Amino acid sequence: MAVNVLIFERSEKSHGVAAFDILKKAPDINVIGVAKEVLESYDKANKLNPDVIVIDAESRKTGGAYFLQQFARRKRSPIVFFTPLQKGESPAVLEALEIGAIDFAIKPRAPNSSVEKELIDKVLAAAKAKIRPSSDADRVKTTAKVFSAEKTKKVIAIGASTGGTEALKEALIRMPENVPGIVIVQHMPAAFTKPFAQRLDSLCAINVKEAEDGDEALTNLALIAPGNRHMVLRKSASKYYVEIISGDKVSGHRPSVDVLFNSVAECAGANAVGAILTGMGGDGARGLLKMRKAGAKTVAQDEKTCVVFGMPKVAIELGGVDKIVPLEMVASAVMQFVAEIGV
């Protein structure tokens, strides 16, 4: 059965190919309406009850941001944010995800089959996604920033994709002081990982930054892999550090969760804890299994709280998961396993 899609976008195409021009060609998608103004969007969304709503970033100029904020609160149709990859767009995308968009796709400047396929795939995935209530994690965050330069003896590795920006926020906000060094892969383009890390750093008690080559893993520090580059964990003498490397996509992604988890299994072994969160596909599942076989303890987000129960599902099916928990318990489950690791 085709996925019924409502598109909210302006008629101007100065910043790339229109969503309508892409989605109208997809055999599994039925574009049931296009709106150019916020009141028109409300009217069509209410009358047509679409499976997915695509909001073009340029619609912010005609009420798109307000529509997103108000409509997302009603938790009726999943929303995909469609944005040009240009300077200054990152904050708007992160705000859209925080307000309630399920995912975002990059608008191609000219017809491009691989980039257009990304929008189609994300719309199809959004149609199957669960819409979760807005997180109250901000209300439980610790406001005091924790600083530490201690070398970490244990490592926490986390992987996420669709729905992962909010899942990571909730997990990291709940991390206590003196948490071991954390290494993270979130599927996200290069222009977005640094602002995403800065946003998390402003919310969390622990420190969060986009990883740079050679960064040392330290207590109370989370390193997020930069977009379009793989991140691997290394060990030298008594310290863990990361390498940022190029290379082909692995499991369909760069950065790849599998690449990170495989490296953690090899150099940290039983001194690591792995967590796989919401996401489409299976990236990270085999890496998590490798971590578990190397002696690490592993956690997966449960189906009920995942936006897309893809990556955790595959990891569970492969036998790579020790414990399955709802999102709000991921941090406590990880820290319980950390406490069980010997010094």
C-alpha atoms as a PDB file:
ATOM      1  CA  MET A   1       0.000   0.000   0.000  1.00  0.00           C
ATOM      2  CA  ALA A   2       1.365   3.405  -0.959  1.00  0.00           C
ATOM      3  CA  VAL A   3       2.326   5.937   1.708  1.00  0.00           C
ATOM      4  CA  ASN A   4       0.139   9.055   1.570  1.00  0.00           C
ATOM      5  CA  VAL A   5       2.237  12.215   1.881  1.00  0.00           C
ATOM      6  CA  LEU A   6       1.344  15.868   2.397  1.00  0.00           C
ATOM      7  CA  ILE A   7       4.028  18.380   1.426  1.00  0.00           C
ATOM      8  CA  PHE A   8       4.355  21.867   2.919  1.00  0.00           C
ATOM      9  CA  GLU A   9       6.688  23.855   0.682  1.00  0.00           C
ATOM     10  CA  ARG A  10       6.840  27.162  -1.116  1.00  0.00           C
ATOM     11  CA  SER A  11       6.711  27.234  -4.895  1.00  0.00           C
ATOM     12  CA  GLU A  12      10.171  28.773  -5.234  1.00  0.00           C
ATOM     13  CA  LYS A  13      12.925  26.258  -6.002  1.00  0.00           C
ATOM     14  CA  SER A  14      15.931  28.550  -5.641  1.00  0.00           C
ATOM     15  CA  HIS A  15      17.577  26.300  -3.092  1.00  0.00           C
ATOM     16  CA  GLY A  16      17.224  22.967  -4.827  1.00  0.00           C
ATOM     17  CA  VAL A  17      14.857  20.340  -6.153  1.00  0.00           C
ATOM     18  CA  ALA A  18      11.347  20.453  -4.713  1.00  0.00           C
ATOM     19  CA  ALA A  19      10.114  17.592  -2.567  1.00  0.00           C
ATOM     20  CA  PHE A  20       7.064  17.246  -4.811  1.00  0.00           C
ATOM     21  CA  ASP A  21       9.245  16.695  -7.886  1.00  0.00           C
ATOM     22  CA  ILE A  22      11.073  13.890  -6.074  1.00  0.00           C
ATOM     23  CA  LEU A  23       8.211  12.146  -4.327  1.00  0.00           C
ATOM     24  CA  LYS A  24       5.748  12.222  -7.232  1.00  0.00           C
ATOM     25  CA  LYS A  25       8.041   9.761  -9.054  1.00  0.00           C
ATOM     26  CA  ALA A  26       8.288   7.249  -6.192  1.00  0.00           C
ATOM     27  CA  PRO A  27       6.091   4.182  -6.856  1.00  0.00           C
ATOM     28  CA  ASP A  28       5.394   3.546  -3.151  1.00  0.00           C
ATOM     29  CA  ILE A  29       4.431   7.149  -2.370  1.00  0.00           C
ATOM     30  CA  ASN A  30       1.213   8.970  -3.123  1.00  0.00           C
ATOM     31  CA  VAL A  31       1.428  12.756  -2.817  1.00  0.00           C
ATOM     32  CA  ILE A  32      -2.089  13.613  -1.666  1.00  0.00           C
ATOM     33  CA  GLY A  33      -1.564  17.336  -1.267  1.00  0.00           C
ATOM     34  CA  VAL A  34       0.817  20.288  -1.432  1.00  0.00           C
ATOM     35  CA  ALA A  35       0.388  23.385   0.751  1.00  0.00           C
ATOM     36  CA  LYS A  36       2.187  26.719   0.532  1.00  0.00           C
ATOM     37  CA  GLU A  37       0.806  28.538   3.571  1.00  0.00           C
ATOM     38  CA  VAL A  38       0.347  27.511   7.195  1.00  0.00           C
ATOM     39  CA  LEU A  39      -3.466  27.721   7.244  1.00  0.00           C
ATOM     40  CA  GLU A  40      -3.652  25.679   4.072  1.00  0.00           C
ATOM     41  CA  SER A  41      -1.332  23.108   5.673  1.00  0.00           C
ATOM     42  CA  TYR A  42      -3.551  22.810   8.755  1.00  0.00           C
ATOM     43  CA  ASP A  43      -6.651  22.422   6.621  1.00  0.00           C
ATOM     44  CA  LYS A  44      -5.161  19.744   4.368  1.00  0.00           C
ATOM     45  CA  ALA A  45      -3.510  17.870   7.242  1.00  0.00           C
ATOM     46  CA  ASN A  46      -6.838  17.677   9.069  1.00  0.00           C
ATOM     47  CA  LYS A  47      -8.867  16.696   6.020  1.00  0.00           C
ATOM     48  CA  LEU A  48      -6.424  14.304   4.373  1.00  0.00           C
ATOM     49  CA  ASN A  49      -4.881  12.651   7.461  1.00  0.00           C
ATOM     50  CA  PRO A  50      -1.561  11.900   5.701  1.00  0.00           C
ATOM     51  CA  ASP A  51       0.751   9.072   6.716  1.00  0.00           C
ATOM     52  CA  VAL A  52       3.723  11.461   6.563  1.00  0.00           C
ATOM     53  CA  ILE A  53       4.153  15.232   6.289  1.00  0.00           C
ATOM     54  CA  VAL A  54       7.224  16.669   4.545  1.00  0.00           C
ATOM     55  CA  ILE A  55       8.070  20.244   5.542  1.00  0.00           C
ATOM     56  CA  ASP A  56      10.479  22.173   3.349  1.00  0.00           C
ATOM     57  CA  ALA A  57      12.913  24.303   5.341  1.00  0.00           C
ATOM     58  CA  GLU A  58      12.007  27.360   3.268  1.00  0.00           C
ATOM     59  CA  SER A  59       8.440  27.127   4.529  1.00  0.00           C
ATOM     60  CA  ARG A  60       9.705  28.726   7.756  1.00  0.00           C
ATOM     61  CA  LYS A  61       9.168  32.013   5.911  1.00  0.00           C
ATOM     62  CA  THR A  62       5.462  31.238   5.535  1.00  0.00           C
ATOM     63  CA  GLY A  63       4.714  29.707   8.915  1.00  0.00           C
ATOM     64  CA  GLY A  64       6.390  26.311   8.577  1.00  0.00           C
ATOM     65  CA  ALA A  65       8.149  26.492  11.931  1.00  0.00           C
ATOM     66  CA  TYR A  66       4.913  27.339  13.722  1.00  0.00           C
ATOM     67  CA  PHE A  67       3.069  24.581  11.886  1.00  0.00           C
ATOM     68  CA  LEU A  68       5.765  22.084  12.843  1.00  0.00           C
ATOM     69  CA  GLN A  69       5.687  23.136  16.477  1.00  0.00           C
ATOM     70  CA  GLN A  70       1.920  23.014  16.775  1.00  0.00           C
ATOM     71  CA  PHE A  71       1.235  19.976  14.625  1.00  0.00           C
ATOM     72  CA  ALA A  72       4.037  17.891  16.129  1.00  0.00           C
ATOM     73  CA  ARG A  73       2.488  18.377  19.571  1.00  0.00           C
ATOM     74  CA  ARG A  74      -0.668  16.693  18.362  1.00  0.00           C
ATOM     75  CA  LYS A  75       1.357  13.579  17.519  1.00  0.00           C
ATOM     76  CA  ARG A  76      -0.715  12.568  14.525  1.00  0.00           C
ATOM     77  CA  SER A  77       1.505  12.279  11.449  1.00  0.00           C
ATOM     78  CA  PRO A  78       5.287  11.765  11.411  1.00  0.00           C
ATOM     79  CA  ILE A  79       7.142  14.763   9.996  1.00  0.00           C
ATOM     80  CA  VAL A  80      10.265  14.766   7.799  1.00  0.00           C
ATOM     81  CA  PHE A  81      12.149  18.070   7.519  1.00  0.00           C
ATOM     82  CA  PHE A  82      13.593  18.780   4.039  1.00  0.00           C
ATOM     83  CA  THR A  83      16.494  21.200   4.084  1.00  0.00           C
ATOM     84  CA  PRO A  84      19.214  22.537   1.761  1.00  0.00           C
ATOM     85  CA  LEU A  85      22.753  21.739   2.851  1.00  0.00           C
ATOM     86  CA  GLN A  86      23.957  25.301   3.261  1.00  0.00           C
ATOM     87  CA  LYS A  87      25.550  27.480   5.890  1.00  0.00           C
ATOM     88  CA  GLY A  88      23.222  28.481   8.677  1.00  0.00           C
ATOM     89  CA  GLU A  89      20.711  25.643   8.302  1.00  0.00           C
ATOM     90  CA  SER A  90      22.050  23.409  11.092  1.00  0.00           C
ATOM     91  CA  PRO A  91      20.312  25.191  14.012  1.00  0.00           C
ATOM     92  CA  ALA A  92      16.971  25.091  12.188  1.00  0.00           C
ATOM     93  CA  VAL A  93      17.302  21.372  11.532  1.00  0.00           C
ATOM     94  CA  LEU A  94      18.231  20.598  15.126  1.00  0.00           C
ATOM     95  CA  GLU A  95      15.329  22.742  16.318  1.00  0.00           C
ATOM     96  CA  ALA A  96      12.966  20.849  13.995  1.00  0.00           C
ATOM     97  CA  LEU A  97      14.133  17.512  15.388  1.00  0.00           C
ATOM     98  CA  GLU A  98      13.794  18.787  18.929  1.00  0.00           C
ATOM     99  CA  ILE A  99      10.281  20.082  18.288  1.00  0.00           C
ATOM    100  CA  GLY A 100       9.103  16.792  16.893  1.00  0.00           C
ATOM    101  CA  ALA A 101      10.296  15.994  13.362  1.00  0.00           C
ATOM    102  CA  ILE A 102      11.104  12.306  12.971  1.00  0.00           C
ATOM    103  CA  ASP A 103      14.044  12.866  10.623  1.00  0.00           C
ATOM    104  CA  PHE A 104      15.487  15.218   8.039  1.00  0.00           C
ATOM    105  CA  ALA A 105      16.738  14.854   4.489  1.00  0.00           C
ATOM    106  CA  ILE A 106      19.083  17.034   2.470  1.00  0.00           C
ATOM    107  CA  LYS A 107      17.612  18.860  -0.518  1.00  0.00           C
ATOM    108  CA  PRO A 108      19.701  18.352  -3.684  1.00  0.00           C
ATOM    109  CA  ARG A 109      20.612  21.520  -5.547  1.00  0.00           C
ATOM    110  CA  ALA A 110      20.109  19.713  -8.845  1.00  0.00           C
ATOM    111  CA  PRO A 111      18.547  16.366  -9.790  1.00  0.00           C
ATOM    112  CA  ASN A 112      20.579  13.661  -8.050  1.00  0.00           C
ATOM    113  CA  SER A 113      19.255  10.123  -7.853  1.00  0.00           C
ATOM    114  CA  SER A 114      21.188   9.054  -4.748  1.00  0.00           C
ATOM    115  CA  VAL A 115      20.263  12.167  -2.742  1.00  0.00           C
ATOM    116  CA  GLU A 116      16.655  11.997  -3.936  1.00  0.00           C
ATOM    117  CA  LYS A 117      16.524   8.345  -2.830  1.00  0.00           C
ATOM    118  CA  GLU A 118      17.433   9.478   0.693  1.00  0.00           C
ATOM    119  CA  LEU A 119      14.252  11.552   0.937  1.00  0.00           C
ATOM    120  CA  ILE A 120      12.151   8.700  -0.436  1.00  0.00           C
ATOM    121  CA  ASP A 121      13.688   6.183   1.977  1.00  0.00           C
ATOM    122  CA  LYS A 122      13.207   8.492   4.957  1.00  0.00           C
ATOM    123  CA  VAL A 123       9.593   9.175   4.078  1.00  0.00           C
ATOM    124  CA  LEU A 124       8.910   5.436   3.812  1.00  0.00           C
ATOM    125  CA  ALA A 125      10.666   4.837   7.147  1.00  0.00           C
ATOM    126  CA  ALA A 126       8.765   7.690   8.795  1.00  0.00           C
ATOM    127  CA  ALA A 127       5.482   6.077   7.790  1.00  0.00           C
ATOM    128  CA  LYS A 128       6.408   3.131  10.025  1.00  0.00           C
ATOM    129  CA  ALA A 129       7.850   5.228  12.836  1.00  0.00           C
ATOM    130  CA  LYS A 130       6.385   5.653  16.282  1.00  0.00           C
ATOM    131  CA  ILE A 131       5.664   9.179  17.438  1.00  0.00           C
ATOM    132  CA  ARG A 132       6.804   9.588  21.020  1.00  0.00           C
ATOM    133  CA  PRO A 133       5.671  12.289  23.437  1.00  0.00           C
ATOM    134  CA  SER A 134       8.141  15.120  23.898  1.00  0.00           C
ATOM    135  CA  SER A 135      10.904  14.146  26.289  1.00  0.00           C
ATOM    136  CA  ASP A 136      10.948  15.639  29.773  1.00  0.00           C
ATOM    137  CA  ALA A 137      14.659  14.927  30.085  1.00  0.00           C
ATOM    138  CA  ASP A 138      15.458  18.664  30.092  1.00  0.00           C
ATOM    139  CA  ARG A 139      13.680  18.944  33.425  1.00  0.00           C
ATOM    140  CA  VAL A 140      15.920  16.352  35.053  1.00  0.00           C
ATOM    141  CA  LYS A 141      19.239  17.554  33.675  1.00  0.00           C
ATOM    142  CA  THR A 142      21.985  18.721  35.997  1.00  0.00           C
ATOM    143  CA  THR A 143      22.847  22.339  35.355  1.00  0.00           C
ATOM    144  CA  ALA A 144      26.369  22.305  36.797  1.00  0.00           C
ATOM    145  CA  LYS A 145      28.995  21.444  34.196  1.00  0.00           C
ATOM    146  CA  VAL A 146      31.411  18.677  35.154  1.00  0.00           C
ATOM    147  CA  PHE A 147      35.049  19.149  34.185  1.00  0.00           C
ATOM    148  CA  SER A 148      37.602  16.368  34.290  1.00  0.00           C
ATOM    149  CA  ALA A 149      40.910  15.487  32.704  1.00  0.00           C
ATOM    150  CA  GLU A 150      41.110  11.989  34.112  1.00  0.00           C
ATOM    151  CA  LYS A 151      42.003   9.179  31.775  1.00  0.00           C
ATOM    152  CA  THR A 152      39.148   6.760  31.387  1.00  0.00           C
ATOM    153  CA  LYS A 153      39.758   3.110  32.287  1.00  0.00           C
ATOM    154  CA  LYS A 154      36.397   2.048  30.900  1.00  0.00           C
ATOM    155  CA  VAL A 155      34.623   3.073  27.700  1.00  0.00           C
ATOM    156  CA  ILE A 156      30.982   3.513  26.748  1.00  0.00           C
ATOM    157  CA  ALA A 157      30.145   3.244  23.035  1.00  0.00           C
ATOM    158  CA  ILE A 158      26.758   4.348  21.684  1.00  0.00           C
ATOM    159  CA  GLY A 159      25.233   4.142  18.210  1.00  0.00           C
ATOM    160  CA  ALA A 160      22.022   5.719  16.898  1.00  0.00           C
ATOM    161  CA  SER A 161      20.276   6.790  13.716  1.00  0.00           C
ATOM    162  CA  THR A 162      16.669   7.831  12.984  1.00  0.00           C
ATOM    163  CA  GLY A 163      15.246   9.367  16.148  1.00  0.00           C
ATOM    164  CA  GLY A 164      18.684   9.296  17.706  1.00  0.00           C
ATOM    165  CA  THR A 165      19.176  13.013  18.206  1.00  0.00           C
ATOM    166  CA  GLU A 166      16.497  13.125  20.897  1.00  0.00           C
ATOM    167  CA  ALA A 167      17.335   9.641  22.213  1.00  0.00           C
ATOM    168  CA  LEU A 168      20.965  10.620  22.708  1.00  0.00           C
ATOM    169  CA  LYS A 169      19.913  13.834  24.434  1.00  0.00           C
ATOM    170  CA  GLU A 170      17.789  11.917  26.900  1.00  0.00           C
ATOM    171  CA  ALA A 171      20.467   9.295  27.542  1.00  0.00           C
ATOM    172  CA  LEU A 172      23.321  11.776  27.992  1.00  0.00           C
ATOM    173  CA  ILE A 173      21.333  14.154  30.182  1.00  0.00           C
ATOM    174  CA  ARG A 174      20.765  11.260  32.566  1.00  0.00           C
ATOM    175  CA  MET A 175      24.444  10.302  32.767  1.00  0.00           C
ATOM    176  CA  PRO A 176      25.889  10.876  36.264  1.00  0.00           C
ATOM    177  CA  GLU A 177      29.131  12.573  37.210  1.00  0.00           C
ATOM    178  CA  ASN A 178      32.350  10.615  36.755  1.00  0.00           C
ATOM    179  CA  VAL A 179      30.910   8.683  33.829  1.00  0.00           C
ATOM    180  CA  PRO A 180      33.611   6.889  31.807  1.00  0.00           C
ATOM    181  CA  GLY A 181      34.605   8.304  28.437  1.00  0.00           C
ATOM    182  CA  ILE A 182      31.831   7.997  25.850  1.00  0.00           C
ATOM    183  CA  VAL A 183      32.246   7.570  22.076  1.00  0.00           C
ATOM    184  CA  ILE A 184      29.197   8.048  19.853  1.00  0.00           C
ATOM    185  CA  VAL A 185      28.141   7.601  16.253  1.00  0.00           C
ATOM    186  CA  GLN A 186      24.914   9.324  15.195  1.00  0.00           C
ATOM    187  CA  HIS A 187      24.131   9.143  11.484  1.00  0.00           C
ATOM    188  CA  MET A 188      24.239  12.787  10.429  1.00  0.00           C
ATOM    189  CA  PRO A 189      25.824  14.862   7.618  1.00  0.00           C
ATOM    190  CA  ALA A 190      29.080  16.687   8.258  1.00  0.00           C
ATOM    191  CA  ALA A 191      27.532  20.147   8.600  1.00  0.00           C
ATOM    192  CA  PHE A 192      25.334  19.056  11.488  1.00  0.00           C
ATOM    193  CA  THR A 193      27.465  17.058  13.919  1.00  0.00           C
ATOM    194  CA  LYS A 194      29.342  19.999  15.429  1.00  0.00           C
ATOM    195  CA  PRO A 195      26.193  22.068  16.173  1.00  0.00           C
ATOM    196  CA  PHE A 196      24.537  18.894  17.462  1.00  0.00           C
ATOM    197  CA  ALA A 197      27.435  18.271  19.844  1.00  0.00           C
ATOM    198  CA  GLN A 198      27.364  21.912  20.973  1.00  0.00           C
ATOM    199  CA  ARG A 199      23.633  21.651  21.628  1.00  0.00           C
ATOM    200  CA  LEU A 200      24.109  18.541  23.772  1.00  0.00           C
ATOM    201  CA  ASP A 201      27.001  20.173  25.603  1.00  0.00           C
ATOM    202  CA  SER A 202      24.714  23.069  26.566  1.00  0.00           C
ATOM    203  CA  LEU A 203      22.145  20.656  28.015  1.00  0.00           C
ATOM    204  CA  CYS A 204      24.240  18.001  29.728  1.00  0.00           C
ATOM    205  CA  ALA A 205      26.286  18.022  32.900  1.00  0.00           C
ATOM    206  CA  ILE A 206      28.988  16.055  31.104  1.00  0.00           C
ATOM    207  CA  ASN A 207      31.058  17.620  28.328  1.00  0.00           C
ATOM    208  CA  VAL A 208      30.117  16.863  24.720  1.00  0.00           C
ATOM    209  CA  LYS A 209      32.113  17.733  21.591  1.00  0.00           C
ATOM    210  CA  GLU A 210      32.518  16.752  17.981  1.00  0.00           C
ATOM    211  CA  ALA A 211      35.514  14.436  17.923  1.00  0.00           C
ATOM    212  CA  GLU A 212      38.789  15.467  16.346  1.00  0.00           C
ATOM    213  CA  ASP A 213      41.564  13.130  15.312  1.00  0.00           C
ATOM    214  CA  GLY A 214      43.670  12.226  18.355  1.00  0.00           C
ATOM    215  CA  ASP A 215      41.121  13.342  20.956  1.00  0.00           C
ATOM    216  CA  GLU A 216      41.621  11.410  24.183  1.00  0.00           C
ATOM    217  CA  ALA A 217      38.688   9.638  25.784  1.00  0.00           C
ATOM    218  CA  LEU A 218      38.294  11.169  29.241  1.00  0.00           C
ATOM    219  CA  THR A 219      35.835  10.804  32.093  1.00  0.00           C
ATOM    220  CA  ASN A 220      32.791  13.057  31.819  1.00  0.00           C
ATOM    221  CA  LEU A 221      33.397  13.570  28.104  1.00  0.00           C
ATOM    222  CA  ALA A 222      31.339  12.346  25.143  1.00  0.00           C
ATOM    223  CA  LEU A 223      32.945  12.423  21.697  1.00  0.00           C
ATOM    224  CA  ILE A 224      30.605  12.433  18.686  1.00  0.00           C
ATOM    225  CA  ALA A 225      31.936  11.204  15.341  1.00  0.00           C
ATOM    226  CA  PRO A 226      32.029  13.970  12.730  1.00  0.00           C
ATOM    227  CA  GLY A 227      29.696  13.560   9.782  1.00  0.00           C
ATOM    228  CA  ASN A 228      31.074  11.814   6.692  1.00  0.00           C
ATOM    229  CA  ARG A 229      34.054  10.380   8.605  1.00  0.00           C
ATOM    230  CA  HIS A 230      34.487   7.118  10.473  1.00  0.00           C
ATOM    231  CA  MET A 231      35.615   7.164  14.105  1.00  0.00           C
ATOM    232  CA  VAL A 232      37.626   4.344  15.674  1.00  0.00           C
ATOM    233  CA  LEU A 233      38.843   3.863  19.232  1.00  0.00           C
ATOM    234  CA  ARG A 234      42.539   3.179  19.850  1.00  0.00           C
ATOM    235  CA  LYS A 235      44.607   2.460  22.949  1.00  0.00           C
ATOM    236  CA  SER A 236      48.152   3.553  23.648  1.00  0.00           C
ATOM    237  CA  ALA A 237      49.762   2.707  26.975  1.00  0.00           C
ATOM    238  CA  SER A 238      47.214   3.768  29.597  1.00  0.00           C
ATOM    239  CA  LYS A 239      44.995   5.964  27.445  1.00  0.00           C
ATOM    240  CA  TYR A 240      42.195   5.569  24.948  1.00  0.00           C
ATOM    241  CA  TYR A 241      41.941   7.997  22.048  1.00  0.00           C
ATOM    242  CA  VAL A 242      40.054   8.262  18.766  1.00  0.00           C
ATOM    243  CA  GLU A 243      41.149   8.317  15.159  1.00  0.00           C
ATOM    244  CA  ILE A 244      39.008  10.070  12.587  1.00  0.00           C
ATOM    245  CA  ILE A 245      39.423   8.344   9.246  1.00  0.00           C
ATOM    246  CA  SER A 246      38.004   8.369   5.733  1.00  0.00           C
ATOM    247  CA  GLY A 247      37.010   5.259   3.841  1.00  0.00           C
ATOM    248  CA  ASP A 248      34.068   3.678   2.115  1.00  0.00           C
ATOM    249  CA  LYS A 249      30.658   3.517   3.711  1.00  0.00           C
ATOM    250  CA  VAL A 250      30.216   0.526   6.012  1.00  0.00           C
ATOM    251  CA  SER A 251      26.766  -0.967   6.587  1.00  0.00           C
ATOM    252  CA  GLY A 252      25.554   1.833   4.332  1.00  0.00           C
ATOM    253  CA  HIS A 253      26.913   4.662   6.477  1.00  0.00           C
ATOM    254  CA  ARG A 254      29.859   6.974   7.114  1.00  0.00           C
ATOM    255  CA  PRO A 255      30.281   7.346  10.035  1.00  0.00           C
ATOM    256  CA  SER A 256      29.332   3.763  10.751  1.00  0.00           C
ATOM    257  CA  VAL A 257      28.344   2.397  14.147  1.00  0.00           C
ATOM    258  CA  ASP A 258      29.799  -0.962  13.140  1.00  0.00           C
ATOM    259  CA  VAL A 259      33.204   0.632  12.509  1.00  0.00           C
ATOM    260  CA  LEU A 260      33.187   2.226  15.964  1.00  0.00           C
ATOM    261  CA  PHE A 261      31.880  -0.852  17.798  1.00  0.00           C
ATOM    262  CA  ASN A 262      34.371  -3.157  16.061  1.00  0.00           C
ATOM    263  CA  SER A 263      37.253  -0.948  17.170  1.00  0.00           C
ATOM    264  CA  VAL A 264      35.925  -0.813  20.743  1.00  0.00           C
ATOM    265  CA  ALA A 265      35.701  -4.612  20.811  1.00  0.00           C
ATOM    266  CA  GLU A 266      39.305  -4.899  19.645  1.00  0.00           C
ATOM    267  CA  CYS A 267      40.975  -2.412  21.979  1.00  0.00           C
ATOM    268  CA  ALA A 268      38.689  -2.212  25.022  1.00  0.00           C
ATOM    269  CA  GLY A 269      37.121  -5.667  25.177  1.00  0.00           C
ATOM    270  CA  ALA A 270      35.578  -6.386  28.575  1.00  0.00           C
ATOM    271  CA  ASN A 271      36.336  -2.825  29.751  1.00  0.00           C
ATOM    272  CA  ALA A 272      33.556  -1.490  27.535  1.00  0.00           C
ATOM    273  CA  VAL A 273      29.788  -1.142  27.555  1.00  0.00           C
ATOM    274  CA  GLY A 274      27.876  -0.751  24.301  1.00  0.00           C
ATOM    275  CA  ALA A 275      24.422   0.702  23.665  1.00  0.00           C
ATOM    276  CA  ILE A 276      22.419   0.681  20.450  1.00  0.00           C
ATOM    277  CA  LEU A 277      19.527   3.092  20.148  1.00  0.00           C
ATOM    278  CA  THR A 278      16.706   3.845  17.731  1.00  0.00           C
ATOM    279  CA  GLY A 279      17.533   3.725  14.051  1.00  0.00           C
ATOM    280  CA  MET A 280      16.617   2.416  10.627  1.00  0.00           C
ATOM    281  CA  GLY A 281      18.529  -0.554   9.207  1.00  0.00           C
ATOM    282  CA  GLY A 282      21.100  -2.684  10.945  1.00  0.00           C
ATOM    283  CA  ASP A 283      24.275  -0.610  11.323  1.00  0.00           C
ATOM    284  CA  GLY A 284      25.943  -1.410  14.630  1.00  0.00           C
ATOM    285  CA  ALA A 285      24.232  -4.759  15.190  1.00  0.00           C
ATOM    286  CA  ARG A 286      27.191  -6.891  14.158  1.00  0.00           C
ATOM    287  CA  GLY A 287      29.618  -4.577  15.901  1.00  0.00           C
ATOM    288  CA  LEU A 288      27.637  -4.862  19.125  1.00  0.00           C
ATOM    289  CA  LEU A 289      27.730  -8.652  18.828  1.00  0.00           C
ATOM    290  CA  LYS A 290      31.498  -8.449  18.378  1.00  0.00           C
ATOM    291  CA  MET A 291      31.725  -6.300  21.512  1.00  0.00           C
ATOM    292  CA  ARG A 292      29.695  -8.826  23.490  1.00  0.00           C
ATOM    293  CA  LYS A 293      31.859 -11.697  22.269  1.00  0.00           C
ATOM    294  CA  ALA A 294      34.914  -9.702  23.390  1.00  0.00           C
ATOM    295  CA  GLY A 295      33.499  -9.513  26.927  1.00  0.00           C
ATOM    296  CA  ALA A 296      31.688  -6.176  26.835  1.00  0.00           C
ATOM    297  CA  LYS A 297      28.205  -5.744  28.283  1.00  0.00           C
ATOM    298  CA  THR A 298      25.576  -4.471  25.875  1.00  0.00           C
ATOM    299  CA  VAL A 299      22.256  -2.610  26.005  1.00  0.00           C
ATOM    300  CA  ALA A 300      19.531  -2.047  23.420  1.00  0.00           C
ATOM    301  CA  GLN A 301      16.662   0.429  23.444  1.00  0.00           C
ATOM    302  CA  ASP A 302      13.323  -1.382  23.480  1.00  0.00           C
ATOM    303  CA  GLU A 303      10.770  -1.406  20.679  1.00  0.00           C
ATOM    304  CA  LYS A 304       8.165   0.635  22.538  1.00  0.00           C
ATOM    305  CA  THR A 305      10.373   3.715  22.953  1.00  0.00           C
ATOM    306  CA  CYS A 306      12.223   3.519  19.604  1.00  0.00           C
ATOM    307  CA  VAL A 307      11.146   5.853  16.838  1.00  0.00           C
ATOM    308  CA  VAL A 308      12.327   3.142  14.438  1.00  0.00           C
ATOM    309  CA  PHE A 309      13.021  -0.310  15.873  1.00  0.00           C
ATOM    310  CA  GLY A 310      15.581  -1.292  13.251  1.00  0.00           C
ATOM    311  CA  MET A 311      19.135  -1.279  14.576  1.00  0.00           C
ATOM    312  CA  PRO A 312      18.218  -2.577  18.076  1.00  0.00           C
ATOM    313  CA  LYS A 313      15.975  -5.268  16.570  1.00  0.00           C
ATOM    314  CA  VAL A 314      18.757  -6.646  14.365  1.00  0.00           C
ATOM    315  CA  ALA A 315      21.225  -6.557  17.268  1.00  0.00           C
ATOM    316  CA  ILE A 316      18.795  -8.490  19.469  1.00  0.00           C
ATOM    317  CA  GLU A 317      18.119 -11.053  16.741  1.00  0.00           C
ATOM    318  CA  LEU A 318      21.863 -11.617  16.273  1.00  0.00           C
ATOM    319  CA  GLY A 319      22.342 -12.276  19.982  1.00  0.00           C
ATOM    320  CA  GLY A 320      24.404  -9.169  20.616  1.00  0.00           C
ATOM    321  CA  VAL A 321      22.352  -7.734  23.485  1.00  0.00           C
ATOM    322  CA  ASP A 322      22.567  -8.431  27.228  1.00  0.00           C
ATOM    323  CA  LYS A 323      19.751  -6.130  28.311  1.00  0.00           C
ATOM    324  CA  ILE A 324      16.759  -4.474  26.593  1.00  0.00           C
ATOM    325  CA  VAL A 325      15.413  -1.350  28.279  1.00  0.00           C
ATOM    326  CA  PRO A 326      13.197   1.676  27.525  1.00  0.00           C
ATOM    327  CA  LEU A 327      14.974   4.878  26.557  1.00  0.00           C
ATOM    328  CA  GLU A 328      14.621   6.489  29.981  1.00  0.00           C
ATOM    329  CA  MET A 329      16.516   3.544  31.512  1.00  0.00           C
ATOM    330  CA  VAL A 330      19.388   3.369  29.020  1.00  0.00           C
ATOM    331  CA  ALA A 331      21.722   5.536  31.126  1.00  0.00           C
ATOM    332  CA  SER A 332      21.052   3.609  34.336  1.00  0.00           C
ATOM    333  CA  ALA A 333      21.454   0.245  32.590  1.00  0.00           C
ATOM    334  CA  VAL A 334      24.760   1.367  31.076  1.00  0.00           C
ATOM    335  CA  MET A 335      26.025   2.633  34.432  1.00  0.00           C
ATOM    336  CA  GLN A 336      24.984  -0.581  36.161  1.00  0.00           C
ATOM    337  CA  PHE A 337      27.147  -2.531  33.717  1.00  0.00           C
ATOM    338  CA  VAL A 338      29.977   0.000  34.165  1.00  0.00           C
ATOM    339  CA  ALA A 339      29.878  -0.664  37.913  1.00  0.00           C
ATOM    340  CA  GLU A 340      30.269  -4.386  37.271  1.00  0.00           C
ATOM    341  CA  ILE A 341      33.485  -3.899  35.314  1.00  0.00           C
ATOM    342  CA  GLY A 342      36.591  -4.441  37.408  1.00  0.00           C
ATOM    343  CA  VAL A 343      38.992  -1.570  37.915  1.00  0.00           C
END
